[in-house]
Amino acid sequence: MKLINYVKLMRPKHFVKNALIFVPIMYSFNLTNADMLLNVVICFIGLCLAASGIYAVNDIADYEKDKTHPQKKARPIASGEIKKSAAALFALFLFAAGFLLMYLFGGELALIFSVSYVFLNFAYSFALKHFAIIDCFCIAAGFVLRVYIGGAVIGEFVAVSEWLFLTITAVSLFLAFGKRRGELLMVASDSRKVIGEYNMDFLNGAVFACAGVSIVFYALWALTSVSAMIYTVPLVIFVILKYLLNVHNGISHGDPVTVIFDDKVLLLAIAVFGIISILFLYGGIS
């Protein structure tokens, strides 16, 4: 089989979600610590490998459904490019390599969080995704765990303050409900029963509510951080509103990664936010 099919099975475009592992080192003012940064980078790779193992297992489990799905039928396993047995062996390799890197460069606690992340995803994929609202909270928990893995790697949880924790949770729920909204629009091609349990009025309300509290929580976090960070709040408002506009225009059926990367303006705004944040946090601007 072609190597490119195994790369596709790993879904590398979704690796960007794992960048949350860098949040603690950035907000603990340790981004310039070369040793810590190297450990986080290697653990980021380990987390990406473990996450890819989850994708492989999911594709094996959803093989029959994916074959009839308009988009998912092109995935390597559903299309027959990779046999299920080969995919299973590849998944085991990904888990082993990911956990080994996490243990060697992140320590026991980072490994425990990583294993918890994998088990959460299995619980979601095989059971919890069938329960409305619980499914979205599972997705949010996965984002939060990514952050705590980063905290475990550098031994610094102070950076993940109460307001930052609430911000990440609210933004994660915002993304999750936005994704469900997009999926509801294409419910005819999505056989999952849980999608039918949602309705557009509820999802619109949930998306706007989570968007609003995300901005409030971030603003409250900014007030407790470096004083200049309060000036990033308008940019955060712009990013969330631009994302909302894309979701409500039916772009990419609400998939967060696709929504962001298909919109150059949104992608640029996020990049500018990251650069400005680093300048405010490390440039002595107050």
C-alpha atoms as a PDB file:
ATOM      1  CA  MET A   1       0.000   0.000   0.000  1.00  0.00           C
ATOM      2  CA  LYS A   2       1.147   3.562  -0.695  1.00  0.00           C
ATOM      3  CA  LEU A   3       2.663   5.474   2.213  1.00  0.00           C
ATOM      4  CA  ILE A   4       0.394   8.414   1.440  1.00  0.00           C
ATOM      5  CA  ASN A   5      -2.635   6.326   2.455  1.00  0.00           C
ATOM      6  CA  TYR A   6      -1.185   5.802   5.925  1.00  0.00           C
ATOM      7  CA  VAL A   7      -0.491   9.520   6.161  1.00  0.00           C
ATOM      8  CA  LYS A   8      -4.126  10.190   5.248  1.00  0.00           C
ATOM      9  CA  LEU A   9      -5.225   7.681   7.897  1.00  0.00           C
ATOM     10  CA  MET A  10      -3.355   9.768  10.486  1.00  0.00           C
ATOM     11  CA  ARG A  11      -5.349  12.903   9.487  1.00  0.00           C
ATOM     12  CA  PRO A  12      -2.409  15.315   9.871  1.00  0.00           C
ATOM     13  CA  LYS A  13      -4.540  18.414   9.285  1.00  0.00           C
ATOM     14  CA  HIS A  14      -6.128  17.754  12.684  1.00  0.00           C
ATOM     15  CA  PHE A  15      -2.738  17.937  14.421  1.00  0.00           C
ATOM     16  CA  VAL A  16      -3.356  21.660  14.846  1.00  0.00           C
ATOM     17  CA  LYS A  17      -5.827  20.838  17.649  1.00  0.00           C
ATOM     18  CA  ASN A  18      -2.954  19.407  19.670  1.00  0.00           C
ATOM     19  CA  ALA A  19      -1.236  22.816  19.662  1.00  0.00           C
ATOM     20  CA  LEU A  20      -3.157  23.419  22.904  1.00  0.00           C
ATOM     21  CA  ILE A  21      -0.340  21.506  24.579  1.00  0.00           C
ATOM     22  CA  PHE A  22       1.735  24.707  24.192  1.00  0.00           C
ATOM     23  CA  VAL A  23      -0.690  26.868  26.200  1.00  0.00           C
ATOM     24  CA  PRO A  24       0.874  26.228  29.644  1.00  0.00           C
ATOM     25  CA  ILE A  25       4.467  26.852  28.536  1.00  0.00           C
ATOM     26  CA  MET A  26       3.418  30.051  26.799  1.00  0.00           C
ATOM     27  CA  TYR A  27       1.376  31.484  29.660  1.00  0.00           C
ATOM     28  CA  SER A  28       3.847  30.403  32.350  1.00  0.00           C
ATOM     29  CA  PHE A  29       6.498  32.601  30.647  1.00  0.00           C
ATOM     30  CA  ASN A  30       8.667  29.550  29.912  1.00  0.00           C
ATOM     31  CA  LEU A  31       8.483  29.716  26.122  1.00  0.00           C
ATOM     32  CA  THR A  32      12.119  30.854  26.018  1.00  0.00           C
ATOM     33  CA  ASN A  33      13.259  27.895  28.131  1.00  0.00           C
ATOM     34  CA  ALA A  34      14.898  25.729  25.447  1.00  0.00           C
ATOM     35  CA  ASP A  35      14.805  22.476  27.446  1.00  0.00           C
ATOM     36  CA  MET A  36      11.137  22.839  28.362  1.00  0.00           C
ATOM     37  CA  LEU A  37      10.210  23.846  24.828  1.00  0.00           C
ATOM     38  CA  LEU A  38      12.009  20.835  23.358  1.00  0.00           C
ATOM     39  CA  ASN A  39      10.158  18.495  25.730  1.00  0.00           C
ATOM     40  CA  VAL A  40       6.809  20.054  24.797  1.00  0.00           C
ATOM     41  CA  VAL A  41       7.571  19.813  21.065  1.00  0.00           C
ATOM     42  CA  ILE A  42       8.462  16.130  21.379  1.00  0.00           C
ATOM     43  CA  CYS A  43       5.361  15.474  23.502  1.00  0.00           C
ATOM     44  CA  PHE A  44       3.297  17.332  20.883  1.00  0.00           C
ATOM     45  CA  ILE A  45       4.567  14.789  18.352  1.00  0.00           C
ATOM     46  CA  GLY A  46       3.725  11.979  20.775  1.00  0.00           C
ATOM     47  CA  LEU A  47       0.206  13.323  21.276  1.00  0.00           C
ATOM     48  CA  CYS A  48      -0.281  13.601  17.513  1.00  0.00           C
ATOM     49  CA  LEU A  49       0.761   9.971  17.089  1.00  0.00           C
ATOM     50  CA  ALA A  50      -1.637   8.802  19.817  1.00  0.00           C
ATOM     51  CA  ALA A  51      -4.464  10.908  18.355  1.00  0.00           C
ATOM     52  CA  SER A  52      -3.795   9.369  14.945  1.00  0.00           C
ATOM     53  CA  GLY A  53      -4.132   5.943  16.540  1.00  0.00           C
ATOM     54  CA  ILE A  54      -7.596   6.984  17.715  1.00  0.00           C
ATOM     55  CA  TYR A  55      -8.540   8.072  14.183  1.00  0.00           C
ATOM     56  CA  ALA A  56      -7.374   4.720  12.817  1.00  0.00           C
ATOM     57  CA  VAL A  57      -9.424   2.751  15.353  1.00  0.00           C
ATOM     58  CA  ASN A  58     -12.475   4.904  14.641  1.00  0.00           C
ATOM     59  CA  ASP A  59     -12.136   4.336  10.914  1.00  0.00           C
ATOM     60  CA  ILE A  60     -11.914   0.591  11.488  1.00  0.00           C
ATOM     61  CA  ALA A  61     -15.048   0.652  13.649  1.00  0.00           C
ATOM     62  CA  ASP A  62     -16.970   2.885  11.210  1.00  0.00           C
ATOM     63  CA  TYR A  63     -15.860   0.989   8.093  1.00  0.00           C
ATOM     64  CA  GLU A  64     -19.343  -0.069   6.991  1.00  0.00           C
ATOM     65  CA  LYS A  65     -20.965   3.334   7.602  1.00  0.00           C
ATOM     66  CA  ASP A  66     -18.114   5.257   6.002  1.00  0.00           C
ATOM     67  CA  LYS A  67     -18.446   3.273   2.775  1.00  0.00           C
ATOM     68  CA  THR A  68     -21.857   4.845   2.146  1.00  0.00           C
ATOM     69  CA  HIS A  69     -21.005   8.354   3.395  1.00  0.00           C
ATOM     70  CA  PRO A  70     -20.562  10.990   0.622  1.00  0.00           C
ATOM     71  CA  GLN A  71     -17.281  12.331   2.047  1.00  0.00           C
ATOM     72  CA  LYS A  72     -16.000   9.617   4.376  1.00  0.00           C
ATOM     73  CA  LYS A  73     -16.103   6.914   1.680  1.00  0.00           C
ATOM     74  CA  ALA A  74     -12.813   8.332   0.370  1.00  0.00           C
ATOM     75  CA  ARG A  75     -10.972   7.506   3.611  1.00  0.00           C
ATOM     76  CA  PRO A  76      -8.204   4.881   3.193  1.00  0.00           C
ATOM     77  CA  ILE A  77      -9.984   2.042   5.027  1.00  0.00           C
ATOM     78  CA  ALA A  78     -13.471   2.713   3.636  1.00  0.00           C
ATOM     79  CA  SER A  79     -12.078   2.961   0.106  1.00  0.00           C
ATOM     80  CA  GLY A  80     -10.161  -0.299   0.478  1.00  0.00           C
ATOM     81  CA  GLU A  81      -6.715   1.289   0.155  1.00  0.00           C
ATOM     82  CA  ILE A  82      -5.735  -0.060   3.592  1.00  0.00           C
ATOM     83  CA  LYS A  83      -6.979  -3.355   5.020  1.00  0.00           C
ATOM     84  CA  LYS A  84      -8.518  -3.285   8.481  1.00  0.00           C
ATOM     85  CA  SER A  85      -5.904  -5.704   9.829  1.00  0.00           C
ATOM     86  CA  ALA A  86      -3.068  -3.490   8.580  1.00  0.00           C
ATOM     87  CA  ALA A  87      -4.764  -0.422  10.027  1.00  0.00           C
ATOM     88  CA  ALA A  88      -5.080  -2.160  13.413  1.00  0.00           C
ATOM     89  CA  LEU A  89      -1.350  -2.924  13.499  1.00  0.00           C
ATOM     90  CA  PHE A  90      -0.579   0.633  12.467  1.00  0.00           C
ATOM     91  CA  ALA A  91      -2.808   1.964  15.259  1.00  0.00           C
ATOM     92  CA  LEU A  92      -0.944  -0.153  17.829  1.00  0.00           C
ATOM     93  CA  PHE A  93       2.342   1.237  16.568  1.00  0.00           C
ATOM     94  CA  LEU A  94       1.028   4.808  16.812  1.00  0.00           C
ATOM     95  CA  PHE A  95      -0.168   4.308  20.388  1.00  0.00           C
ATOM     96  CA  ALA A  96       3.092   2.661  21.470  1.00  0.00           C
ATOM     97  CA  ALA A  97       5.267   5.352  19.880  1.00  0.00           C
ATOM     98  CA  GLY A  98       3.114   8.194  21.175  1.00  0.00           C
ATOM     99  CA  PHE A  99       2.961   6.933  24.751  1.00  0.00           C
ATOM    100  CA  LEU A 100       6.702   6.181  24.781  1.00  0.00           C
ATOM    101  CA  LEU A 101       7.575   9.726  23.716  1.00  0.00           C
ATOM    102  CA  MET A 102       5.127  11.127  26.243  1.00  0.00           C
ATOM    103  CA  TYR A 103       6.648   9.083  29.088  1.00  0.00           C
ATOM    104  CA  LEU A 104      10.295   9.760  28.176  1.00  0.00           C
ATOM    105  CA  PHE A 105       9.939  13.514  27.647  1.00  0.00           C
ATOM    106  CA  GLY A 106       6.846  14.377  29.662  1.00  0.00           C
ATOM    107  CA  GLY A 107       6.921  12.052  32.639  1.00  0.00           C
ATOM    108  CA  GLU A 108       4.370   9.842  34.346  1.00  0.00           C
ATOM    109  CA  LEU A 109       1.674  12.480  34.834  1.00  0.00           C
ATOM    110  CA  ALA A 110       1.788  13.506  31.166  1.00  0.00           C
ATOM    111  CA  LEU A 111       1.474   9.833  30.237  1.00  0.00           C
ATOM    112  CA  ILE A 112      -1.522   9.402  32.564  1.00  0.00           C
ATOM    113  CA  PHE A 113      -3.255  12.421  31.013  1.00  0.00           C
ATOM    114  CA  SER A 114      -2.460  11.099  27.528  1.00  0.00           C
ATOM    115  CA  VAL A 115      -3.859   7.656  28.276  1.00  0.00           C
ATOM    116  CA  SER A 116      -6.923   9.333  29.798  1.00  0.00           C
ATOM    117  CA  TYR A 117      -7.312  11.357  26.606  1.00  0.00           C
ATOM    118  CA  VAL A 118      -7.236   8.188  24.504  1.00  0.00           C
ATOM    119  CA  PHE A 119      -9.732   6.378  26.737  1.00  0.00           C
ATOM    120  CA  LEU A 120     -12.024   9.412  26.718  1.00  0.00           C
ATOM    121  CA  ASN A 121     -12.003   9.319  22.928  1.00  0.00           C
ATOM    122  CA  PHE A 122     -12.755   5.602  22.897  1.00  0.00           C
ATOM    123  CA  ALA A 123     -15.624   6.127  25.343  1.00  0.00           C
ATOM    124  CA  TYR A 124     -16.875   8.930  23.119  1.00  0.00           C
ATOM    125  CA  SER A 125     -16.538   6.967  19.883  1.00  0.00           C
ATOM    126  CA  PHE A 126     -18.155   3.755  21.075  1.00  0.00           C
ATOM    127  CA  ALA A 127     -20.769   5.034  23.538  1.00  0.00           C
ATOM    128  CA  LEU A 128     -20.942   8.663  24.642  1.00  0.00           C
ATOM    129  CA  LYS A 129     -21.269  10.201  21.180  1.00  0.00           C
ATOM    130  CA  HIS A 130     -24.782   8.748  21.045  1.00  0.00           C
ATOM    131  CA  PHE A 131     -26.018  11.008  23.859  1.00  0.00           C
ATOM    132  CA  ALA A 132     -26.917  14.600  23.015  1.00  0.00           C
ATOM    133  CA  ILE A 133     -25.031  17.341  24.918  1.00  0.00           C
ATOM    134  CA  ILE A 134     -22.835  14.720  26.625  1.00  0.00           C
ATOM    135  CA  ASP A 135     -21.157  14.233  23.248  1.00  0.00           C
ATOM    136  CA  CYS A 136     -20.201  17.907  23.067  1.00  0.00           C
ATOM    137  CA  PHE A 137     -18.920  17.945  26.638  1.00  0.00           C
ATOM    138  CA  CYS A 138     -16.697  14.964  25.786  1.00  0.00           C
ATOM    139  CA  ILE A 139     -15.232  16.929  22.898  1.00  0.00           C
ATOM    140  CA  ALA A 140     -14.622  19.874  25.238  1.00  0.00           C
ATOM    141  CA  ALA A 141     -12.983  17.584  27.811  1.00  0.00           C
ATOM    142  CA  GLY A 142     -10.598  16.388  25.113  1.00  0.00           C
ATOM    143  CA  PHE A 143      -9.443  19.961  24.465  1.00  0.00           C
ATOM    144  CA  VAL A 144      -8.989  20.618  28.175  1.00  0.00           C
ATOM    145  CA  LEU A 145      -6.954  17.430  28.595  1.00  0.00           C
ATOM    146  CA  ARG A 146      -4.610  18.576  25.837  1.00  0.00           C
ATOM    147  CA  VAL A 147      -3.864  21.694  27.873  1.00  0.00           C
ATOM    148  CA  TYR A 148      -3.283  19.719  31.056  1.00  0.00           C
ATOM    149  CA  ILE A 149      -0.918  17.394  29.203  1.00  0.00           C
ATOM    150  CA  GLY A 150       1.128  20.489  28.376  1.00  0.00           C
ATOM    151  CA  GLY A 151       1.038  21.529  32.014  1.00  0.00           C
ATOM    152  CA  ALA A 152       2.225  18.090  33.119  1.00  0.00           C
ATOM    153  CA  VAL A 153       5.145  18.153  30.668  1.00  0.00           C
ATOM    154  CA  ILE A 154       6.598  21.341  32.158  1.00  0.00           C
ATOM    155  CA  GLY A 155       5.360  20.711  35.691  1.00  0.00           C
ATOM    156  CA  GLU A 156       3.461  23.981  35.645  1.00  0.00           C
ATOM    157  CA  PHE A 157      -0.277  24.063  36.265  1.00  0.00           C
ATOM    158  CA  VAL A 158      -0.383  27.571  37.715  1.00  0.00           C
ATOM    159  CA  ALA A 159      -0.470  28.908  34.140  1.00  0.00           C
ATOM    160  CA  VAL A 160      -3.829  27.173  33.648  1.00  0.00           C
ATOM    161  CA  SER A 161      -5.761  29.534  35.913  1.00  0.00           C
ATOM    162  CA  GLU A 162      -9.453  29.235  36.677  1.00  0.00           C
ATOM    163  CA  TRP A 163     -10.395  31.827  34.043  1.00  0.00           C
ATOM    164  CA  LEU A 164      -8.186  30.195  31.407  1.00  0.00           C
ATOM    165  CA  PHE A 165      -9.703  26.794  32.192  1.00  0.00           C
ATOM    166  CA  LEU A 166     -13.197  28.253  31.776  1.00  0.00           C
ATOM    167  CA  THR A 167     -12.165  30.005  28.561  1.00  0.00           C
ATOM    168  CA  ILE A 168     -10.859  26.798  27.006  1.00  0.00           C
ATOM    169  CA  THR A 169     -13.953  24.887  28.123  1.00  0.00           C
ATOM    170  CA  ALA A 170     -16.339  27.503  26.712  1.00  0.00           C
ATOM    171  CA  VAL A 171     -14.468  27.796  23.407  1.00  0.00           C
ATOM    172  CA  SER A 172     -14.389  24.004  23.095  1.00  0.00           C
ATOM    173  CA  LEU A 173     -18.151  23.792  23.622  1.00  0.00           C
ATOM    174  CA  PHE A 174     -18.585  26.619  21.110  1.00  0.00           C
ATOM    175  CA  LEU A 175     -16.663  24.605  18.503  1.00  0.00           C
ATOM    176  CA  ALA A 176     -18.459  21.356  19.386  1.00  0.00           C
ATOM    177  CA  PHE A 177     -21.975  22.776  19.142  1.00  0.00           C
ATOM    178  CA  GLY A 178     -20.976  24.582  15.947  1.00  0.00           C
ATOM    179  CA  LYS A 179     -19.883  21.271  14.473  1.00  0.00           C
ATOM    180  CA  ARG A 180     -23.168  19.642  15.478  1.00  0.00           C
ATOM    181  CA  ARG A 181     -25.018  22.507  13.808  1.00  0.00           C
ATOM    182  CA  GLY A 182     -23.175  21.851  10.562  1.00  0.00           C
ATOM    183  CA  GLU A 183     -23.874  18.138  10.822  1.00  0.00           C
ATOM    184  CA  LEU A 184     -27.562  18.771  11.401  1.00  0.00           C
ATOM    185  CA  LEU A 185     -27.688  20.662   8.106  1.00  0.00           C
ATOM    186  CA  MET A 186     -26.521  17.515   6.325  1.00  0.00           C
ATOM    187  CA  VAL A 187     -28.482  15.080   8.514  1.00  0.00           C
ATOM    188  CA  ALA A 188     -29.702  13.200   5.455  1.00  0.00           C
ATOM    189  CA  SER A 189     -26.180  11.904   4.854  1.00  0.00           C
ATOM    190  CA  ASP A 190     -25.384  11.351   8.525  1.00  0.00           C
ATOM    191  CA  SER A 191     -26.955   8.242  10.007  1.00  0.00           C
ATOM    192  CA  ARG A 192     -26.074   8.967  13.639  1.00  0.00           C
ATOM    193  CA  LYS A 193     -29.204   9.068  15.754  1.00  0.00           C
ATOM    194  CA  VAL A 194     -27.799  11.701  18.110  1.00  0.00           C
ATOM    195  CA  ILE A 195     -27.747  14.311  15.335  1.00  0.00           C
ATOM    196  CA  GLY A 196     -31.498  13.956  15.002  1.00  0.00           C
ATOM    197  CA  GLU A 197     -31.922  14.649  18.727  1.00  0.00           C
ATOM    198  CA  TYR A 198     -30.690  18.191  18.208  1.00  0.00           C
ATOM    199  CA  ASN A 199     -32.696  20.969  16.622  1.00  0.00           C
ATOM    200  CA  MET A 200     -31.492  24.158  14.955  1.00  0.00           C
ATOM    201  CA  ASP A 201     -33.028  26.536  17.499  1.00  0.00           C
ATOM    202  CA  PHE A 202     -31.235  24.816  20.383  1.00  0.00           C
ATOM    203  CA  LEU A 203     -27.903  24.640  18.550  1.00  0.00           C
ATOM    204  CA  ASN A 204     -28.098  28.274  17.495  1.00  0.00           C
ATOM    205  CA  GLY A 205     -28.733  29.258  21.111  1.00  0.00           C
ATOM    206  CA  ALA A 206     -25.955  27.008  22.438  1.00  0.00           C
ATOM    207  CA  VAL A 207     -23.445  28.297  19.893  1.00  0.00           C
ATOM    208  CA  PHE A 208     -24.189  31.952  20.639  1.00  0.00           C
ATOM    209  CA  ALA A 209     -24.234  31.358  24.404  1.00  0.00           C
ATOM    210  CA  CYS A 210     -20.849  29.610  24.366  1.00  0.00           C
ATOM    211  CA  ALA A 211     -19.441  32.289  22.070  1.00  0.00           C
ATOM    212  CA  GLY A 212     -20.547  34.991  24.488  1.00  0.00           C
ATOM    213  CA  VAL A 213     -19.201  33.390  27.653  1.00  0.00           C
ATOM    214  CA  SER A 214     -15.952  32.537  25.830  1.00  0.00           C
ATOM    215  CA  ILE A 215     -15.352  36.233  25.252  1.00  0.00           C
ATOM    216  CA  VAL A 216     -16.291  37.110  28.843  1.00  0.00           C
ATOM    217  CA  PHE A 217     -14.058  34.406  30.345  1.00  0.00           C
ATOM    218  CA  TYR A 218     -11.143  35.405  28.108  1.00  0.00           C
ATOM    219  CA  ALA A 219     -11.544  39.063  29.052  1.00  0.00           C
ATOM    220  CA  LEU A 220     -11.542  38.142  32.747  1.00  0.00           C
ATOM    221  CA  TRP A 221      -8.405  36.030  32.209  1.00  0.00           C
ATOM    222  CA  ALA A 222      -6.730  38.914  30.366  1.00  0.00           C
ATOM    223  CA  LEU A 223      -7.438  41.237  33.311  1.00  0.00           C
ATOM    224  CA  THR A 224      -5.516  38.871  35.594  1.00  0.00           C
ATOM    225  CA  SER A 225      -2.594  38.404  33.196  1.00  0.00           C
ATOM    226  CA  VAL A 226      -0.120  40.913  31.790  1.00  0.00           C
ATOM    227  CA  SER A 227      -2.076  44.158  31.627  1.00  0.00           C
ATOM    228  CA  ALA A 228      -1.475  44.629  27.892  1.00  0.00           C
ATOM    229  CA  MET A 229      -3.306  41.369  27.142  1.00  0.00           C
ATOM    230  CA  ILE A 230      -6.624  43.187  27.618  1.00  0.00           C
ATOM    231  CA  TYR A 231      -5.968  44.791  24.219  1.00  0.00           C
ATOM    232  CA  THR A 232      -6.195  41.372  22.547  1.00  0.00           C
ATOM    233  CA  VAL A 233      -9.862  41.050  23.552  1.00  0.00           C
ATOM    234  CA  PRO A 234     -11.198  42.925  20.477  1.00  0.00           C
ATOM    235  CA  LEU A 235      -9.208  40.570  18.254  1.00  0.00           C
ATOM    236  CA  VAL A 236     -10.684  37.574  20.068  1.00  0.00           C
ATOM    237  CA  ILE A 237     -14.158  39.018  19.528  1.00  0.00           C
ATOM    238  CA  PHE A 238     -13.383  39.397  15.811  1.00  0.00           C
ATOM    239  CA  VAL A 239     -12.123  35.801  15.532  1.00  0.00           C
ATOM    240  CA  ILE A 240     -15.198  34.368  17.255  1.00  0.00           C
ATOM    241  CA  LEU A 241     -17.612  36.482  15.198  1.00  0.00           C
ATOM    242  CA  LYS A 242     -15.842  35.580  11.940  1.00  0.00           C
ATOM    243  CA  TYR A 243     -15.981  31.910  12.886  1.00  0.00           C
ATOM    244  CA  LEU A 244     -19.683  32.278  13.748  1.00  0.00           C
ATOM    245  CA  LEU A 245     -20.360  33.867  10.378  1.00  0.00           C
ATOM    246  CA  ASN A 246     -18.637  30.997   8.588  1.00  0.00           C
ATOM    247  CA  VAL A 247     -20.558  28.369  10.543  1.00  0.00           C
ATOM    248  CA  HIS A 248     -23.888  30.071   9.875  1.00  0.00           C
ATOM    249  CA  ASN A 249     -23.040  30.359   6.194  1.00  0.00           C
ATOM    250  CA  GLY A 250     -22.690  26.576   6.105  1.00  0.00           C
ATOM    251  CA  ILE A 251     -18.955  26.538   5.406  1.00  0.00           C
ATOM    252  CA  SER A 252     -17.380  23.072   5.802  1.00  0.00           C
ATOM    253  CA  HIS A 253     -20.341  21.745   7.820  1.00  0.00           C
ATOM    254  CA  GLY A 254     -18.879  23.190  11.012  1.00  0.00           C
ATOM    255  CA  ASP A 255     -15.638  21.186  11.126  1.00  0.00           C
ATOM    256  CA  PRO A 256     -13.354  23.552  13.114  1.00  0.00           C
ATOM    257  CA  VAL A 257     -10.108  22.754  11.289  1.00  0.00           C
ATOM    258  CA  THR A 258     -11.664  23.142   7.840  1.00  0.00           C
ATOM    259  CA  VAL A 259     -13.569  26.292   8.792  1.00  0.00           C
ATOM    260  CA  ILE A 260     -10.336  27.951   9.952  1.00  0.00           C
ATOM    261  CA  PHE A 261      -8.029  26.826   7.153  1.00  0.00           C
ATOM    262  CA  ASP A 262     -10.539  27.591   4.400  1.00  0.00           C
ATOM    263  CA  ASP A 263     -10.814  31.214   5.535  1.00  0.00           C
ATOM    264  CA  LYS A 264      -7.598  33.167   4.954  1.00  0.00           C
ATOM    265  CA  VAL A 265      -8.877  36.189   6.884  1.00  0.00           C
ATOM    266  CA  LEU A 266      -9.753  34.067   9.924  1.00  0.00           C
ATOM    267  CA  LEU A 267      -6.432  32.229   9.720  1.00  0.00           C
ATOM    268  CA  LEU A 268      -4.553  35.537   9.507  1.00  0.00           C
ATOM    269  CA  ALA A 269      -6.462  36.945  12.483  1.00  0.00           C
ATOM    270  CA  ILE A 270      -5.560  33.894  14.605  1.00  0.00           C
ATOM    271  CA  ALA A 271      -1.906  34.205  13.555  1.00  0.00           C
ATOM    272  CA  VAL A 272      -1.870  37.911  14.440  1.00  0.00           C
ATOM    273  CA  PHE A 273      -3.451  37.116  17.808  1.00  0.00           C
ATOM    274  CA  GLY A 274      -0.693  34.582  18.517  1.00  0.00           C
ATOM    275  CA  ILE A 275       2.091  36.978  17.532  1.00  0.00           C
ATOM    276  CA  ILE A 276       0.652  39.892  19.513  1.00  0.00           C
ATOM    277  CA  SER A 277       0.142  37.671  22.560  1.00  0.00           C
ATOM    278  CA  ILE A 278       3.785  36.567  22.491  1.00  0.00           C
ATOM    279  CA  LEU A 279       4.918  40.190  22.145  1.00  0.00           C
ATOM    280  CA  PHE A 280       2.759  41.281  25.092  1.00  0.00           C
ATOM    281  CA  LEU A 281       3.785  38.353  27.283  1.00  0.00           C
ATOM    282  CA  TYR A 282       7.513  38.316  26.464  1.00  0.00           C
ATOM    283  CA  GLY A 283       8.273  41.732  25.031  1.00  0.00           C
ATOM    284  CA  GLY A 284       8.028  43.645  28.279  1.00  0.00           C
ATOM    285  CA  ILE A 285       4.951  45.515  27.059  1.00  0.00           C
ATOM    286  CA  SER A 286       2.600  46.359  29.900  1.00  0.00           C
END
